Amino acid sequence: MKILSLKLDDSIFFETEELLNYVKIPRNRYINDAILHYNKYHKKSFLAKKIENESNLVREESVRILSEFEKLNEERRPI
């Protein structure tokens, strides 16, 4: 476990303190859970962008290959 010094805006700190009274968990646990959630959100977002980029590459290659197959098919047709 790492020890961090953290600076929060006053409004975020006071809002967090109010919420901690309701959820009844330690501040450290609350902040760790929040960061974990935020990390998962960004990993999912980055993965979605990566999948979209790779999908575009595959689509371009598929169109190119389809075009080649169509040319081969046209060459084989009898006149």
N, C-alpha and C. Protein backbone atom coordinates (compact mmCIF):
# COMPACT_ATOMS: atom_id res chain seq x y z
N MET A 1 0.84 -1.16 0.00
CA MET A 1 0.00 0.00 0.00
C MET A 1 0.89 1.24 0.00
N LYS A 2 0.49 2.24 -0.79
CA LYS A 2 1.26 3.48 -0.90
C LYS A 2 0.56 4.58 -0.12
N ILE A 3 1.37 5.45 0.46
CA ILE A 3 0.83 6.61 1.18
C ILE A 3 0.94 7.81 0.25
N LEU A 4 -0.16 8.53 0.11
CA LEU A 4 -0.20 9.70 -0.76
C LEU A 4 -0.61 10.93 0.03
N SER A 5 -0.12 12.05 -0.45
CA SER A 5 -0.63 13.33 0.03
C SER A 5 -1.57 13.80 -1.06
N LEU A 6 -2.77 14.19 -0.67
CA LEU A 6 -3.80 14.52 -1.65
C LEU A 6 -4.37 15.90 -1.37
N LYS A 7 -4.43 16.72 -2.40
CA LYS A 7 -5.06 18.03 -2.27
C LYS A 7 -6.40 17.97 -2.98
N LEU A 8 -7.45 18.29 -2.25
CA LEU A 8 -8.80 18.32 -2.81
C LEU A 8 -9.34 19.74 -2.75
N ASP A 9 -10.16 20.07 -3.73
CA ASP A 9 -10.90 21.33 -3.63
C ASP A 9 -11.78 21.24 -2.40
N ASP A 10 -11.96 22.37 -1.75
CA ASP A 10 -12.78 22.39 -0.53
C ASP A 10 -14.18 21.83 -0.77
N SER A 11 -14.78 22.21 -1.88
CA SER A 11 -16.15 21.75 -2.15
C SER A 11 -16.21 20.22 -2.29
N ILE A 12 -15.20 19.64 -2.94
CA ILE A 12 -15.17 18.18 -3.10
C ILE A 12 -14.95 17.52 -1.74
N PHE A 13 -14.07 18.08 -0.95
CA PHE A 13 -13.80 17.52 0.37
C PHE A 13 -15.06 17.52 1.24
N PHE A 14 -15.74 18.66 1.31
CA PHE A 14 -16.92 18.75 2.18
C PHE A 14 -18.06 17.86 1.68
N GLU A 15 -18.21 17.78 0.37
CA GLU A 15 -19.23 16.89 -0.18
C GLU A 15 -18.91 15.43 0.15
N THR A 16 -17.65 15.08 0.04
CA THR A 16 -17.22 13.71 0.37
C THR A 16 -17.46 13.41 1.84
N GLU A 17 -17.12 14.36 2.69
CA GLU A 17 -17.32 14.16 4.13
C GLU A 17 -18.80 13.94 4.45
N GLU A 18 -19.68 14.69 3.79
CA GLU A 18 -21.12 14.49 4.00
C GLU A 18 -21.55 13.10 3.56
N LEU A 19 -21.06 12.69 2.40
CA LEU A 19 -21.43 11.37 1.89
C LEU A 19 -20.90 10.25 2.77
N LEU A 20 -19.72 10.44 3.32
CA LEU A 20 -19.13 9.42 4.19
C LEU A 20 -20.00 9.19 5.43
N ASN A 21 -20.68 10.22 5.89
CA ASN A 21 -21.59 10.05 7.03
C ASN A 21 -22.75 9.11 6.69
N TYR A 22 -23.14 9.09 5.42
CA TYR A 22 -24.26 8.23 5.01
C TYR A 22 -23.80 6.80 4.67
N VAL A 23 -22.69 6.68 3.99
CA VAL A 23 -22.26 5.35 3.55
C VAL A 23 -21.52 4.57 4.63
N LYS A 24 -21.06 5.26 5.64
CA LYS A 24 -20.42 4.62 6.80
C LYS A 24 -19.22 3.74 6.42
N ILE A 25 -18.36 4.26 5.55
CA ILE A 25 -17.10 3.57 5.26
C ILE A 25 -15.96 4.56 5.47
N PRO A 26 -14.77 4.05 5.73
CA PRO A 26 -13.63 4.95 5.95
C PRO A 26 -13.31 5.78 4.70
N ARG A 27 -12.80 6.96 4.93
CA ARG A 27 -12.44 7.86 3.84
C ARG A 27 -11.47 7.20 2.86
N ASN A 28 -10.46 6.52 3.36
CA ASN A 28 -9.49 5.85 2.48
C ASN A 28 -10.18 4.85 1.57
N ARG A 29 -11.08 4.04 2.13
CA ARG A 29 -11.79 3.04 1.33
C ARG A 29 -12.63 3.71 0.25
N TYR A 30 -13.29 4.80 0.63
CA TYR A 30 -14.14 5.55 -0.30
C TYR A 30 -13.30 6.10 -1.47
N ILE A 31 -12.17 6.70 -1.15
CA ILE A 31 -11.31 7.27 -2.20
C ILE A 31 -10.71 6.16 -3.06
N ASN A 32 -10.27 5.06 -2.44
CA ASN A 32 -9.76 3.94 -3.22
C ASN A 32 -10.81 3.40 -4.18
N ASP A 33 -12.04 3.24 -3.70
CA ASP A 33 -13.12 2.75 -4.55
C ASP A 33 -13.41 3.72 -5.69
N ALA A 34 -13.37 5.01 -5.38
CA ALA A 34 -13.64 6.03 -6.41
C ALA A 34 -12.57 5.97 -7.51
N ILE A 35 -11.31 5.87 -7.11
CA ILE A 35 -10.23 5.81 -8.09
C ILE A 35 -10.31 4.51 -8.89
N LEU A 36 -10.63 3.41 -8.23
CA LEU A 36 -10.79 2.14 -8.93
C LEU A 36 -11.88 2.26 -10.00
N HIS A 37 -13.01 2.84 -9.64
CA HIS A 37 -14.11 3.03 -10.59
C HIS A 37 -13.67 3.92 -11.75
N TYR A 38 -12.98 4.99 -11.46
CA TYR A 38 -12.52 5.93 -12.48
C TYR A 38 -11.52 5.25 -13.42
N ASN A 39 -10.62 4.43 -12.88
CA ASN A 39 -9.66 3.68 -13.70
C ASN A 39 -10.38 2.71 -14.63
N LYS A 40 -11.38 1.99 -14.11
CA LYS A 40 -12.13 1.05 -14.94
C LYS A 40 -12.83 1.78 -16.08
N TYR A 41 -13.40 2.94 -15.75
CA TYR A 41 -14.09 3.74 -16.76
C TYR A 41 -13.14 4.10 -17.90
N HIS A 42 -11.94 4.58 -17.55
CA HIS A 42 -10.99 4.99 -18.57
C HIS A 42 -10.42 3.80 -19.34
N LYS A 43 -10.17 2.69 -18.67
CA LYS A 43 -9.69 1.50 -19.39
C LYS A 43 -10.72 1.06 -20.42
N LYS A 44 -11.99 1.07 -20.02
CA LYS A 44 -13.06 0.68 -20.95
C LYS A 44 -13.12 1.65 -22.12
N SER A 45 -12.97 2.93 -21.85
CA SER A 45 -13.00 3.95 -22.90
C SER A 45 -11.83 3.78 -23.87
N PHE A 46 -10.63 3.55 -23.33
CA PHE A 46 -9.46 3.34 -24.17
C PHE A 46 -9.62 2.07 -25.01
N LEU A 47 -10.14 1.02 -24.41
CA LEU A 47 -10.34 -0.24 -25.13
C LEU A 47 -11.35 -0.05 -26.26
N ALA A 48 -12.41 0.69 -26.02
CA ALA A 48 -13.42 0.95 -27.05
C ALA A 48 -12.79 1.69 -28.23
N LYS A 49 -11.93 2.67 -27.96
CA LYS A 49 -11.26 3.40 -29.04
C LYS A 49 -10.32 2.49 -29.82
N LYS A 50 -9.60 1.63 -29.10
CA LYS A 50 -8.68 0.71 -29.75
C LYS A 50 -9.43 -0.27 -30.63
N ILE A 51 -10.54 -0.80 -30.14
CA ILE A 51 -11.35 -1.73 -30.93
C ILE A 51 -11.91 -1.04 -32.17
N GLU A 52 -12.35 0.20 -32.01
CA GLU A 52 -12.89 0.95 -33.15
C GLU A 52 -11.81 1.15 -34.22
N ASN A 53 -10.61 1.53 -33.79
CA ASN A 53 -9.50 1.73 -34.75
C ASN A 53 -9.14 0.43 -35.46
N GLU A 54 -9.05 -0.65 -34.71
CA GLU A 54 -8.69 -1.93 -35.31
C GLU A 54 -9.81 -2.44 -36.21
N SER A 55 -11.03 -2.18 -35.85
CA SER A 55 -12.16 -2.56 -36.68
C SER A 55 -12.13 -1.83 -38.01
N ASN A 56 -11.77 -0.56 -37.97
CA ASN A 56 -11.64 0.21 -39.21
C ASN A 56 -10.55 -0.36 -40.10
N LEU A 57 -9.44 -0.77 -39.51
CA LEU A 57 -8.36 -1.37 -40.29
C LEU A 57 -8.82 -2.68 -40.94
N VAL A 58 -9.52 -3.48 -40.19
CA VAL A 58 -10.02 -4.76 -40.72
C VAL A 58 -11.03 -4.50 -41.83
N ARG A 59 -11.90 -3.51 -41.64
CA ARG A 59 -12.90 -3.19 -42.66
C ARG A 59 -12.22 -2.79 -43.96
N GLU A 60 -11.21 -1.94 -43.88
CA GLU A 60 -10.50 -1.49 -45.08
C GLU A 60 -9.86 -2.68 -45.79
N GLU A 61 -9.25 -3.57 -45.03
CA GLU A 61 -8.61 -4.74 -45.63
C GLU A 61 -9.66 -5.68 -46.23
N SER A 62 -10.79 -5.82 -45.57
CA SER A 62 -11.86 -6.69 -46.09
C SER A 62 -12.40 -6.15 -47.40
N VAL A 63 -12.56 -4.84 -47.51
CA VAL A 63 -13.04 -4.23 -48.76
C VAL A 63 -12.03 -4.47 -49.88
N ARG A 64 -10.77 -4.34 -49.55
CA ARG A 64 -9.71 -4.56 -50.55
C ARG A 64 -9.73 -6.00 -51.04
N ILE A 65 -9.84 -6.94 -50.14
CA ILE A 65 -9.85 -8.35 -50.51
C ILE A 65 -11.12 -8.69 -51.30
N LEU A 66 -12.26 -8.15 -50.89
CA LEU A 66 -13.50 -8.37 -51.63
C LEU A 66 -13.37 -7.87 -53.05
N SER A 67 -12.75 -6.72 -53.23
CA SER A 67 -12.54 -6.17 -54.56
C SER A 67 -11.69 -7.11 -55.41
N GLU A 68 -10.65 -7.68 -54.82
CA GLU A 68 -9.80 -8.63 -55.55
C GLU A 68 -10.59 -9.87 -55.95
N PHE A 69 -11.42 -10.39 -55.05
CA PHE A 69 -12.23 -11.55 -55.38
C PHE A 69 -13.22 -11.24 -56.51
N GLU A 70 -13.78 -10.06 -56.48
CA GLU A 70 -14.71 -9.67 -57.54
C GLU A 70 -14.00 -9.59 -58.89
N LYS A 71 -12.78 -9.07 -58.91
CA LYS A 71 -12.00 -9.03 -60.15
C LYS A 71 -11.71 -10.43 -60.66
N LEU A 72 -11.34 -11.34 -59.75
CA LEU A 72 -11.09 -12.73 -60.15
C LEU A 72 -12.34 -13.37 -60.71
N ASN A 73 -13.46 -13.11 -60.07
CA ASN A 73 -14.72 -13.67 -60.52
C ASN A 73 -15.09 -13.15 -61.91
N GLU A 74 -14.86 -11.87 -62.17
CA GLU A 74 -15.14 -11.28 -63.49
C GLU A 74 -14.25 -11.87 -64.55
N GLU A 75 -13.00 -12.16 -64.22
CA GLU A 75 -12.05 -12.74 -65.19
C GLU A 75 -12.46 -14.15 -65.60
N ARG A 76 -13.13 -14.88 -64.72
CA ARG A 76 -13.54 -16.25 -64.99
C ARG A 76 -14.84 -16.36 -65.74
N ARG A 77 -15.62 -15.30 -65.81
CA ARG A 77 -16.91 -15.35 -66.50
C ARG A 77 -16.70 -15.52 -68.00
N PRO A 78 -17.49 -16.39 -68.58
CA PRO A 78 -17.39 -16.54 -70.05
C PRO A 78 -18.03 -15.34 -70.75
N ILE A 79 -17.52 -15.02 -71.89
CA ILE A 79 -18.03 -13.87 -72.66
C ILE A 79 -19.26 -14.24 -73.44
